[in-house]
C-alpha atoms as a PDB file:
ATOM      1  CA  MET A   1     107.465 -39.115-119.349  1.00  0.00           C
ATOM      2  CA  ASP A   2     106.548 -38.675-115.702  1.00  0.00           C
ATOM      3  CA  PHE A   3     106.923 -41.405-113.141  1.00  0.00           C
ATOM      4  CA  PRO A   4     103.705 -43.426-112.914  1.00  0.00           C
ATOM      5  CA  ASP A   5     102.818 -42.422-109.371  1.00  0.00           C
ATOM      6  CA  ARG A   6     103.926 -38.760-109.498  1.00  0.00           C
ATOM      7  CA  ARG A   7     102.592 -36.223-111.933  1.00  0.00           C
ATOM      8  CA  TYR A   8     104.970 -33.430-113.044  1.00  0.00           C
ATOM      9  CA  SER A   9     107.992 -35.408-111.864  1.00  0.00           C
ATOM     10  CA  PHE A  10     109.799 -34.922-115.183  1.00  0.00           C
ATOM     11  CA  LEU A  11     109.715 -31.143-114.824  1.00  0.00           C
ATOM     12  CA  SER A  12     112.965 -31.034-112.837  1.00  0.00           C
ATOM     13  CA  PHE A  13     114.704 -33.041-115.586  1.00  0.00           C
ATOM     14  CA  LEU A  14     113.160 -30.807-118.229  1.00  0.00           C
ATOM     15  CA  VAL A  15     114.673 -27.695-116.670  1.00  0.00           C
ATOM     16  CA  ALA A  16     118.101 -29.335-116.459  1.00  0.00           C
ATOM     17  CA  TYR A  17     117.925 -30.531-120.074  1.00  0.00           C
ATOM     18  CA  HIS A  18     116.870 -27.089-121.252  1.00  0.00           C
ATOM     19  CA  ARG A  19     119.757 -25.412-119.463  1.00  0.00           C
ATOM     20  CA  LEU A  20     122.304 -27.907-120.775  1.00  0.00           C
ATOM     21  CA  PHE A  21     121.160 -27.688-124.363  1.00  0.00           C
ATOM     22  CA  TYR A  22     120.824 -23.898-124.329  1.00  0.00           C
ATOM     23  CA  VAL A  23     124.444 -23.772-123.187  1.00  0.00           C
ATOM     24  CA  ILE A  24     125.387 -26.175-125.995  1.00  0.00           C
ATOM     25  CA  PHE A  25     123.468 -23.998-128.464  1.00  0.00           C
ATOM     26  CA  SER A  26     125.085 -20.770-127.281  1.00  0.00           C
ATOM     27  CA  VAL A  27     128.635 -22.072-127.188  1.00  0.00           C
ATOM     28  CA  ALA A  28     128.296 -23.970-130.478  1.00  0.00           C
ATOM     29  CA  PHE A  29     126.846 -20.938-132.242  1.00  0.00           C
ATOM     30  CA  VAL A  30     129.588 -18.595-131.053  1.00  0.00           C
ATOM     31  CA  LEU A  31     132.318 -21.109-131.832  1.00  0.00           C
ATOM     32  CA  SER A  32     130.900 -21.847-135.282  1.00  0.00           C
ATOM     33  CA  VAL A  33     131.036 -18.146-136.137  1.00  0.00           C
ATOM     34  CA  PHE A  34     134.567 -17.982-134.745  1.00  0.00           C
ATOM     35  CA  ALA A  35     135.602 -21.124-136.677  1.00  0.00           C
ATOM     36  CA  ALA A  36     134.072 -19.794-139.900  1.00  0.00           C
ATOM     37  CA  ASP A  37     136.049 -16.583-139.447  1.00  0.00           C
ATOM     38  CA  LEU A  38     139.244 -18.623-139.122  1.00  0.00           C
ATOM     39  CA  ARG A  39     138.284 -20.787-142.122  1.00  0.00           C
ATOM     40  CA  LEU A  40     138.093 -23.998-140.075  1.00  0.00           C
ATOM     41  CA  SER A  41     135.911 -26.850-141.303  1.00  0.00           C
ATOM     42  CA  ALA A  42     134.669 -27.486-137.753  1.00  0.00           C
ATOM     43  CA  CYS A  43     132.199 -24.635-138.187  1.00  0.00           C
ATOM     44  CA  TYR A  44     129.765 -27.000-139.944  1.00  0.00           C
ATOM     45  CA  GLU A  45     129.669 -29.509-137.097  1.00  0.00           C
ATOM     46  CA  LEU A  46     129.275 -26.770-134.523  1.00  0.00           C
ATOM     47  CA  ALA A  47     126.534 -24.984-136.451  1.00  0.00           C
ATOM     48  CA  PHE A  48     124.620 -28.218-136.995  1.00  0.00           C
ATOM     49  CA  SER A  49     124.935 -29.116-133.308  1.00  0.00           C
ATOM     50  CA  ALA A  50     123.473 -25.709-132.427  1.00  0.00           C
ATOM     51  CA  VAL A  51     120.501 -26.386-134.706  1.00  0.00           C
ATOM     52  CA  LEU A  52     120.042 -29.868-133.223  1.00  0.00           C
ATOM     53  CA  ALA A  53     120.169 -28.460-129.687  1.00  0.00           C
ATOM     54  CA  LEU A  54     117.354 -26.047-130.529  1.00  0.00           C
ATOM     55  CA  LEU A  55     115.344 -28.825-132.166  1.00  0.00           C
ATOM     56  CA  PHE A  56     115.893 -31.002-129.098  1.00  0.00           C
ATOM     57  CA  ASN A  57     114.600 -28.300-126.758  1.00  0.00           C
ATOM     58  CA  GLY A  58     111.548 -27.653-128.878  1.00  0.00           C
ATOM     59  CA  TRP A  59     110.679 -31.293-129.485  1.00  0.00           C
ATOM     60  CA  LEU A  60     111.217 -32.239-125.829  1.00  0.00           C
ATOM     61  CA  THR A  61     108.955 -29.426-124.674  1.00  0.00           C
ATOM     62  CA  LEU A  62     106.288 -30.389-127.203  1.00  0.00           C
ATOM     63  CA  CYS A  63     106.396 -34.066-126.224  1.00  0.00           C
ATOM     64  CA  TYR A  64     106.259 -33.239-122.521  1.00  0.00           C
ATOM     65  CA  GLU A  65     103.303 -30.881-122.921  1.00  0.00           C
ATOM     66  CA  MET A  66     101.446 -33.469-124.993  1.00  0.00           C
ATOM     67  CA  SER A  67     102.165 -36.206-122.459  1.00  0.00           C
ATOM     68  CA  LEU A  68     100.783 -34.041-119.645  1.00  0.00           C
ATOM     69  CA  HIS A  69      97.418 -33.885-121.387  1.00  0.00           C
ATOM     70  CA  ASN A  70      97.418 -37.491-122.612  1.00  0.00           C
ATOM     71  CA  PRO A  71     100.230 -39.821-121.439  1.00  0.00           C
ATOM     72  CA  ALA A  72      99.497 -42.254-124.278  1.00  0.00           C
ATOM     73  CA  THR A  73     100.834 -39.725-126.812  1.00  0.00           C
ATOM     74  CA  TYR A  74     104.431 -40.310-125.697  1.00  0.00           C
ATOM     75  CA  THR A  75     105.097 -43.208-128.057  1.00  0.00           C
ATOM     76  CA  PRO A  76     108.366 -45.111-128.508  1.00  0.00           C
ATOM     77  CA  PHE A  77     108.960 -43.206-131.757  1.00  0.00           C
ATOM     78  CA  ARG A  78     108.734 -39.863-129.946  1.00  0.00           C
ATOM     79  CA  ARG A  79     111.077 -41.134-127.247  1.00  0.00           C
ATOM     80  CA  PHE A  80     113.480 -42.288-129.951  1.00  0.00           C
ATOM     81  CA  THR A  81     113.457 -38.879-131.657  1.00  0.00           C
ATOM     82  CA  VAL A  82     113.995 -37.039-128.367  1.00  0.00           C
ATOM     83  CA  VAL A  83     116.918 -39.267-127.424  1.00  0.00           C
ATOM     84  CA  MET A  84     118.487 -39.154-130.892  1.00  0.00           C
ATOM     85  CA  LEU A  85     118.212 -35.363-131.170  1.00  0.00           C
ATOM     86  CA  GLY A  86     119.817 -34.955-127.747  1.00  0.00           C
ATOM     87  CA  TRP A  87     122.687 -37.366-128.280  1.00  0.00           C
ATOM     88  CA  SER A  88     123.293 -36.141-131.832  1.00  0.00           C
ATOM     89  CA  ALA A  89     123.549 -32.538-130.654  1.00  0.00           C
ATOM     90  CA  PHE A  90     125.880 -33.517-127.828  1.00  0.00           C
ATOM     91  CA  PHE A  91     128.178 -35.709-129.956  1.00  0.00           C
ATOM     92  CA  LEU A  92     128.318 -33.249-132.849  1.00  0.00           C
ATOM     93  CA  PHE A  93     129.225 -30.515-130.383  1.00  0.00           C
ATOM     94  CA  ALA A  94     132.023 -32.647-128.939  1.00  0.00           C
ATOM     95  CA  ILE A  95     133.303 -33.673-132.382  1.00  0.00           C
ATOM     96  CA  GLY A  96     133.203 -30.094-133.654  1.00  0.00           C
ATOM     97  CA  LEU A  97     134.987 -28.840-130.576  1.00  0.00           C
ATOM     98  CA  LEU A  98     137.737 -31.451-130.798  1.00  0.00           C
ATOM     99  CA  LEU A  99     138.093 -31.007-134.553  1.00  0.00           C
ATOM    100  CA  GLY A 100     138.303 -27.238-134.166  1.00  0.00           C
ATOM    101  CA  ILE A 101     140.974 -27.514-131.496  1.00  0.00           C
ATOM    102  CA  LYS A 102     142.946 -29.952-133.662  1.00  0.00           C
ATOM    103  CA  GLN A 103     142.713 -27.708-136.720  1.00  0.00           C
ATOM    104  CA  LEU A 104     143.567 -24.617-134.731  1.00  0.00           C
ATOM    105  CA  TYR A 105     146.754 -26.129-133.294  1.00  0.00           C
ATOM    106  CA  SER A 106     147.826 -27.768-136.550  1.00  0.00           C
ATOM    107  CA  ARG A 107     148.250 -24.386-138.270  1.00  0.00           C
END
């Protein structure tokens, strides 16, 4: 995960990713509760994006810690799962947000 010539270079990205996905988790969780209270179907997308954001943070941290001890453990499959969890959480959040806004204004 780090650049080949600099150890711990990914740490600055890790902090930024953690902040972004904790914000996504917090906002998606609050909005999913709000959408469920209003009987909007967007609550499912928002709740699932909150779960995916937490999984992304945990899996990214685990992969980074393992790659610090042995860089060969960061395999293409682990990279694929990190990227897919991150993009899935982000896109589900965006879809849930847009769907919730559409349903809210179509009432």
